[in-house]
Amino acid sequence: MSTATTRKRRSNWPRMLRRGLLENIATAIIGIGFLMLFQPFALSLYTWSFITMLFGTAMFIIVSKFPE
């Protein structure tokens, strides 16, 4: 085997737009929305919880298509 076939292929994507970091951020946003949904203190947090979880879920679906 030649060394050209065994080397990893480098992506042209910027490092900030890689899948690992953005998936973690999307998961954290979903978790924050979940906590907002089940807290008993502020009605405004409860009101925005579904939108927050929806945004995190959409972000996770989009980011999961990015290269590693």
PDB file of N, CA and C in Angstrom:
ATOM      1  N   MET A   1       0.831  -1.189   0.000  1.00  0.00           N
ATOM      2  CA  MET A   1       0.000   0.000   0.000  1.00  0.00           C
ATOM      3  C   MET A   1       0.871   1.245   0.000  1.00  0.00           C
ATOM      4  N   SER A   2       0.442   2.202  -0.703  1.00  0.00           N
ATOM      5  CA  SER A   2       1.200   3.436  -0.718  1.00  0.00           C
ATOM      6  C   SER A   2       0.763   4.326   0.439  1.00  0.00           C
ATOM      7  N   THR A   3       1.598   5.282   0.779  1.00  0.00           N
ATOM      8  CA  THR A   3       1.280   6.180   1.886  1.00  0.00           C
ATOM      9  C   THR A   3       0.159   7.143   1.530  1.00  0.00           C
ATOM     10  N   ALA A   4      -0.074   7.364   0.249  1.00  0.00           N
ATOM     11  CA  ALA A   4      -1.133   8.280  -0.175  1.00  0.00           C
ATOM     12  C   ALA A   4      -2.512   7.700   0.133  1.00  0.00           C
ATOM     13  N   THR A   5      -2.658   6.384   0.088  1.00  0.00           N
ATOM     14  CA  THR A   5      -3.963   5.785   0.356  1.00  0.00           C
ATOM     15  C   THR A   5      -4.204   5.587   1.848  1.00  0.00           C
ATOM     16  N   THR A   6      -3.157   5.519   2.657  1.00  0.00           N
ATOM     17  CA  THR A   6      -3.346   5.288   4.087  1.00  0.00           C
ATOM     18  C   THR A   6      -3.499   6.583   4.876  1.00  0.00           C
ATOM     19  N   ARG A   7      -3.114   7.717   4.314  1.00  0.00           N
ATOM     20  CA  ARG A   7      -3.271   8.995   5.007  1.00  0.00           C
ATOM     21  C   ARG A   7      -4.721   9.417   5.048  1.00  0.00           C
ATOM     22  N   LYS A   8      -5.076  10.120   6.114  1.00  0.00           N
ATOM     23  CA  LYS A   8      -6.437  10.649   6.206  1.00  0.00           C
ATOM     24  C   LYS A   8      -6.597  11.808   5.235  1.00  0.00           C
ATOM     25  N   ARG A   9      -7.787  11.895   4.700  1.00  0.00           N
ATOM     26  CA  ARG A   9      -8.087  13.002   3.809  1.00  0.00           C
ATOM     27  C   ARG A   9      -8.418  14.237   4.612  1.00  0.00           C
ATOM     28  N   ARG A  10      -7.786  15.345   4.307  1.00  0.00           N
ATOM     29  CA  ARG A  10      -8.046  16.605   5.016  1.00  0.00           C
ATOM     30  C   ARG A  10      -9.223  17.305   4.386  1.00  0.00           C
ATOM     31  N   SER A  11     -10.057  17.847   5.231  1.00  0.00           N
ATOM     32  CA  SER A  11     -11.236  18.558   4.757  1.00  0.00           C
ATOM     33  C   SER A  11     -10.911  20.039   4.581  1.00  0.00           C
ATOM     34  N   ASN A  12     -11.599  20.672   3.668  1.00  0.00           N
ATOM     35  CA  ASN A  12     -11.423  22.107   3.451  1.00  0.00           C
ATOM     36  C   ASN A  12     -12.299  22.941   4.373  1.00  0.00           C
ATOM     37  N   TRP A  13     -13.134  22.281   5.197  1.00  0.00           N
ATOM     38  CA  TRP A  13     -14.020  22.991   6.114  1.00  0.00           C
ATOM     39  C   TRP A  13     -13.217  23.630   7.231  1.00  0.00           C
ATOM     40  N   PRO A  14     -13.628  24.809   7.688  1.00  0.00           N
ATOM     41  CA  PRO A  14     -12.948  25.421   8.844  1.00  0.00           C
ATOM     42  C   PRO A  14     -13.111  24.550  10.093  1.00  0.00           C
ATOM     43  N   ARG A  15     -12.181  24.648  10.994  1.00  0.00           N
ATOM     44  CA  ARG A  15     -12.174  23.825  12.200  1.00  0.00           C
ATOM     45  C   ARG A  15     -13.410  24.080  13.072  1.00  0.00           C
ATOM     46  N   MET A  16     -13.914  25.315  13.086  1.00  0.00           N
ATOM     47  CA  MET A  16     -15.083  25.636  13.909  1.00  0.00           C
ATOM     48  C   MET A  16     -16.370  25.006  13.362  1.00  0.00           C
ATOM     49  N   LEU A  17     -16.392  24.640  12.083  1.00  0.00           N
ATOM     50  CA  LEU A  17     -17.591  24.065  11.482  1.00  0.00           C
ATOM     51  C   LEU A  17     -17.533  22.547  11.390  1.00  0.00           C
ATOM     52  N   ARG A  18     -16.709  21.922  12.191  1.00  0.00           N
ATOM     53  CA  ARG A  18     -16.654  20.471  12.209  1.00  0.00           C
ATOM     54  C   ARG A  18     -17.770  19.913  13.061  1.00  0.00           C
ATOM     55  N   ARG A  19     -18.061  18.655  12.873  1.00  0.00           N
ATOM     56  CA  ARG A  19     -19.221  18.041  13.494  1.00  0.00           C
ATOM     57  C   ARG A  19     -19.118  17.917  15.007  1.00  0.00           C
ATOM     58  N   GLY A  20     -17.993  17.539  15.550  1.00  0.00           N
ATOM     59  CA  GLY A  20     -17.885  17.229  16.971  1.00  0.00           C
ATOM     60  C   GLY A  20     -18.299  18.359  17.898  1.00  0.00           C
ATOM     61  N   LEU A  21     -17.726  19.518  17.737  1.00  0.00           N
ATOM     62  CA  LEU A  21     -18.020  20.653  18.612  1.00  0.00           C
ATOM     63  C   LEU A  21     -19.458  21.120  18.460  1.00  0.00           C
ATOM     64  N   LEU A  22     -19.928  21.233  17.233  1.00  0.00           N
ATOM     65  CA  LEU A  22     -21.278  21.750  17.004  1.00  0.00           C
ATOM     66  C   LEU A  22     -22.351  20.761  17.449  1.00  0.00           C
ATOM     67  N   GLU A  23     -22.078  19.449  17.364  1.00  0.00           N
ATOM     68  CA  GLU A  23     -23.027  18.474  17.900  1.00  0.00           C
ATOM     69  C   GLU A  23     -23.138  18.610  19.411  1.00  0.00           C
ATOM     70  N   ASN A  24     -22.013  18.844  20.076  1.00  0.00           N
ATOM     71  CA  ASN A  24     -22.048  19.036  21.526  1.00  0.00           C
ATOM     72  C   ASN A  24     -22.829  20.295  21.903  1.00  0.00           C
ATOM     73  N   ILE A  25     -22.660  21.361  21.140  1.00  0.00           N
ATOM     74  CA  ILE A  25     -23.399  22.596  21.406  1.00  0.00           C
ATOM     75  C   ILE A  25     -24.894  22.369  21.187  1.00  0.00           C
ATOM     76  N   ALA A  26     -25.259  21.669  20.114  1.00  0.00           N
ATOM     77  CA  ALA A  26     -26.677  21.389  19.843  1.00  0.00           C
ATOM     78  C   ALA A  26     -27.281  20.527  20.948  1.00  0.00           C
ATOM     79  N   THR A  27     -26.538  19.554  21.437  1.00  0.00           N
ATOM     80  CA  THR A  27     -27.023  18.717  22.533  1.00  0.00           C
ATOM     81  C   THR A  27     -27.200  19.537  23.803  1.00  0.00           C
ATOM     82  N   ALA A  28     -26.299  20.464  24.058  1.00  0.00           N
ATOM     83  CA  ALA A  28     -26.424  21.331  25.234  1.00  0.00           C
ATOM     84  C   ALA A  28     -27.656  22.233  25.111  1.00  0.00           C
ATOM     85  N   ILE A  29     -27.941  22.732  23.918  1.00  0.00           N
ATOM     86  CA  ILE A  29     -29.124  23.568  23.712  1.00  0.00           C
ATOM     87  C   ILE A  29     -30.397  22.756  23.956  1.00  0.00           C
ATOM     88  N   ILE A  30     -30.423  21.508  23.493  1.00  0.00           N
ATOM     89  CA  ILE A  30     -31.576  20.646  23.748  1.00  0.00           C
ATOM     90  C   ILE A  30     -31.730  20.415  25.253  1.00  0.00           C
ATOM     91  N   GLY A  31     -30.630  20.184  25.951  1.00  0.00           N
ATOM     92  CA  GLY A  31     -30.685  19.994  27.400  1.00  0.00           C
ATOM     93  C   GLY A  31     -31.157  21.232  28.137  1.00  0.00           C
ATOM     94  N   ILE A  32     -30.722  22.397  27.703  1.00  0.00           N
ATOM     95  CA  ILE A  32     -31.179  23.652  28.320  1.00  0.00           C
ATOM     96  C   ILE A  32     -32.681  23.824  28.107  1.00  0.00           C
ATOM     97  N   GLY A  33     -33.163  23.506  26.906  1.00  0.00           N
ATOM     98  CA  GLY A  33     -34.598  23.579  26.646  1.00  0.00           C
ATOM     99  C   GLY A  33     -35.381  22.612  27.512  1.00  0.00           C
ATOM    100  N   PHE A  34     -34.837  21.430  27.731  1.00  0.00           N
ATOM    101  CA  PHE A  34     -35.486  20.447  28.600  1.00  0.00           C
ATOM    102  C   PHE A  34     -35.564  20.956  30.037  1.00  0.00           C
ATOM    103  N   LEU A  35     -34.481  21.543  30.523  1.00  0.00           N
ATOM    104  CA  LEU A  35     -34.495  22.104  31.881  1.00  0.00           C
ATOM    105  C   LEU A  35     -35.462  23.284  31.985  1.00  0.00           C
ATOM    106  N   MET A  36     -35.537  24.085  30.937  1.00  0.00           N
ATOM    107  CA  MET A  36     -36.482  25.201  30.926  1.00  0.00           C
ATOM    108  C   MET A  36     -37.924  24.697  30.986  1.00  0.00           C
ATOM    109  N   LEU A  37     -38.177  23.550  30.370  1.00  0.00           N
ATOM    110  CA  LEU A  37     -39.522  23.002  30.334  1.00  0.00           C
ATOM    111  C   LEU A  37     -39.971  22.498  31.702  1.00  0.00           C
ATOM    112  N   PHE A  38     -39.050  21.931  32.481  1.00  0.00           N
ATOM    113  CA  PHE A  38     -39.419  21.292  33.734  1.00  0.00           C
ATOM    114  C   PHE A  38     -39.064  22.089  34.980  1.00  0.00           C
ATOM    115  N   GLN A  39     -38.816  23.371  34.834  1.00  0.00           N
ATOM    116  CA  GLN A  39     -38.556  24.194  36.020  1.00  0.00           C
ATOM    117  C   GLN A  39     -39.872  24.839  36.470  1.00  0.00           C
ATOM    118  N   PRO A  40     -40.077  24.994  37.780  1.00  0.00           N
ATOM    119  CA  PRO A  40     -41.367  25.505  38.264  1.00  0.00           C
ATOM    120  C   PRO A  40     -41.379  26.991  38.611  1.00  0.00           C
ATOM    121  N   PHE A  41     -40.357  27.760  38.229  1.00  0.00           N
ATOM    122  CA  PHE A  41     -40.204  29.114  38.754  1.00  0.00           C
ATOM    123  C   PHE A  41     -40.662  30.215  37.812  1.00  0.00           C
ATOM    124  N   ALA A  42     -40.291  30.168  36.554  1.00  0.00           N
ATOM    125  CA  ALA A  42     -40.538  31.289  35.644  1.00  0.00           C
ATOM    126  C   ALA A  42     -41.368  30.837  34.446  1.00  0.00           C
ATOM    127  N   LEU A  43     -42.480  31.511  34.235  1.00  0.00           N
ATOM    128  CA  LEU A  43     -43.347  31.176  33.112  1.00  0.00           C
ATOM    129  C   LEU A  43     -42.688  31.533  31.776  1.00  0.00           C
ATOM    130  N   SER A  44     -41.870  32.567  31.753  1.00  0.00           N
ATOM    131  CA  SER A  44     -41.218  32.955  30.497  1.00  0.00           C
ATOM    132  C   SER A  44     -40.232  31.882  30.027  1.00  0.00           C
ATOM    133  N   LEU A  45     -39.535  31.236  30.962  1.00  0.00           N
ATOM    134  CA  LEU A  45     -38.638  30.139  30.572  1.00  0.00           C
ATOM    135  C   LEU A  45     -39.433  28.965  30.012  1.00  0.00           C
ATOM    136  N   TYR A  46     -40.557  28.667  30.650  1.00  0.00           N
ATOM    137  CA  TYR A  46     -41.421  27.594  30.157  1.00  0.00           C
ATOM    138  C   TYR A  46     -41.949  27.922  28.762  1.00  0.00           C
ATOM    139  N   THR A  47     -42.274  29.178  28.528  1.00  0.00           N
ATOM    140  CA  THR A  47     -42.809  29.603  27.240  1.00  0.00           C
ATOM    141  C   THR A  47     -41.793  29.398  26.116  1.00  0.00           C
ATOM    142  N   TRP A  48     -40.543  29.688  26.375  1.00  0.00           N
ATOM    143  CA  TRP A  48     -39.500  29.586  25.348  1.00  0.00           C
ATOM    144  C   TRP A  48     -38.849  28.206  25.272  1.00  0.00           C
ATOM    145  N   SER A  49     -39.237  27.275  26.125  1.00  0.00           N
ATOM    146  CA  SER A  49     -38.558  25.978  26.177  1.00  0.00           C
ATOM    147  C   SER A  49     -38.759  25.165  24.898  1.00  0.00           C
ATOM    148  N   PHE A  50     -39.968  25.154  24.370  1.00  0.00           N
ATOM    149  CA  PHE A  50     -40.212  24.365  23.160  1.00  0.00           C
ATOM    150  C   PHE A  50     -39.427  24.908  21.975  1.00  0.00           C
ATOM    151  N   ILE A  51     -39.396  26.222  21.829  1.00  0.00           N
ATOM    152  CA  ILE A  51     -38.637  26.839  20.733  1.00  0.00           C
ATOM    153  C   ILE A  51     -37.146  26.510  20.876  1.00  0.00           C
ATOM    154  N   THR A  52     -36.650  26.537  22.104  1.00  0.00           N
ATOM    155  CA  THR A  52     -35.244  26.229  22.347  1.00  0.00           C
ATOM    156  C   THR A  52     -34.924  24.781  21.972  1.00  0.00           C
ATOM    157  N   MET A  53     -35.779  23.853  22.396  1.00  0.00           N
ATOM    158  CA  MET A  53     -35.552  22.446  22.050  1.00  0.00           C
ATOM    159  C   MET A  53     -35.708  22.212  20.554  1.00  0.00           C
ATOM    160  N   LEU A  54     -36.636  22.891  19.926  1.00  0.00           N
ATOM    161  CA  LEU A  54     -36.815  22.760  18.485  1.00  0.00           C
ATOM    162  C   LEU A  54     -35.597  23.282  17.729  1.00  0.00           C
ATOM    163  N   PHE A  55     -35.057  24.412  18.163  1.00  0.00           N
ATOM    164  CA  PHE A  55     -33.850  24.955  17.536  1.00  0.00           C
ATOM    165  C   PHE A  55     -32.666  24.003  17.718  1.00  0.00           C
ATOM    166  N   GLY A  56     -32.496  23.466  18.921  1.00  0.00           N
ATOM    167  CA  GLY A  56     -31.401  22.527  19.166  1.00  0.00           C
ATOM    168  C   GLY A  56     -31.524  21.267  18.339  1.00  0.00           C
ATOM    169  N   THR A  57     -32.749  20.763  18.187  1.00  0.00           N
ATOM    170  CA  THR A  57     -32.967  19.561  17.382  1.00  0.00           C
ATOM    171  C   THR A  57     -32.681  19.826  15.911  1.00  0.00           C
ATOM    172  N   ALA A  58     -33.157  20.940  15.394  1.00  0.00           N
ATOM    173  CA  ALA A  58     -32.883  21.287  13.990  1.00  0.00           C
ATOM    174  C   ALA A  58     -31.390  21.494  13.768  1.00  0.00           C
ATOM    175  N   MET A  59     -30.737  22.131  14.725  1.00  0.00           N
ATOM    176  CA  MET A  59     -29.288  22.336  14.620  1.00  0.00           C
ATOM    177  C   MET A  59     -28.551  20.997  14.610  1.00  0.00           C
ATOM    178  N   PHE A  60     -28.984  20.064  15.469  1.00  0.00           N
ATOM    179  CA  PHE A  60     -28.339  18.755  15.520  1.00  0.00           C
ATOM    180  C   PHE A  60     -28.520  18.003  14.206  1.00  0.00           C
ATOM    181  N   ILE A  61     -29.709  18.080  13.629  1.00  0.00           N
ATOM    182  CA  ILE A  61     -29.956  17.384  12.360  1.00  0.00           C
ATOM    183  C   ILE A  61     -29.083  17.965  11.256  1.00  0.00           C
ATOM    184  N   ILE A  62     -28.959  19.282  11.203  1.00  0.00           N
ATOM    185  CA  ILE A  62     -28.145  19.923  10.164  1.00  0.00           C
ATOM    186  C   ILE A  62     -26.664  19.637  10.381  1.00  0.00           C
ATOM    187  N   VAL A  63     -26.212  19.763  11.635  1.00  0.00           N
ATOM    188  CA  VAL A  63     -24.786  19.595  11.936  1.00  0.00           C
ATOM    189  C   VAL A  63     -24.342  18.147  11.746  1.00  0.00           C
ATOM    190  N   SER A  64     -25.246  17.196  11.903  1.00  0.00           N
ATOM    191  CA  SER A  64     -24.855  15.795  11.753  1.00  0.00           C
ATOM    192  C   SER A  64     -24.460  15.461  10.312  1.00  0.00           C
ATOM    193  N   LYS A  65     -24.771  16.347   9.377  1.00  0.00           N
ATOM    194  CA  LYS A  65     -24.366  16.148   7.977  1.00  0.00           C
ATOM    195  C   LYS A  65     -22.972  16.724   7.681  1.00  0.00           C
ATOM    196  N   PHE A  66     -22.405  17.482   8.605  1.00  0.00           N
ATOM    197  CA  PHE A  66     -21.095  18.106   8.404  1.00  0.00           C
ATOM    198  C   PHE A  66     -19.993  17.039   8.466  1.00  0.00           C
ATOM    199  N   PRO A  67     -18.850  17.286   7.841  1.00  0.00           N
ATOM    200  CA  PRO A  67     -17.730  16.339   7.946  1.00  0.00           C
ATOM    201  C   PRO A  67     -17.079  16.399   9.317  1.00  0.00           C
ATOM    202  N   GLU A  68     -16.406  15.304   9.664  1.00  0.00           N
ATOM    203  CA  GLU A  68     -15.726  15.249  10.970  1.00  0.00           C
ATOM    204  C   GLU A  68     -14.455  16.032  10.968  1.00  0.00           C
TER     205      GLU A  68
END
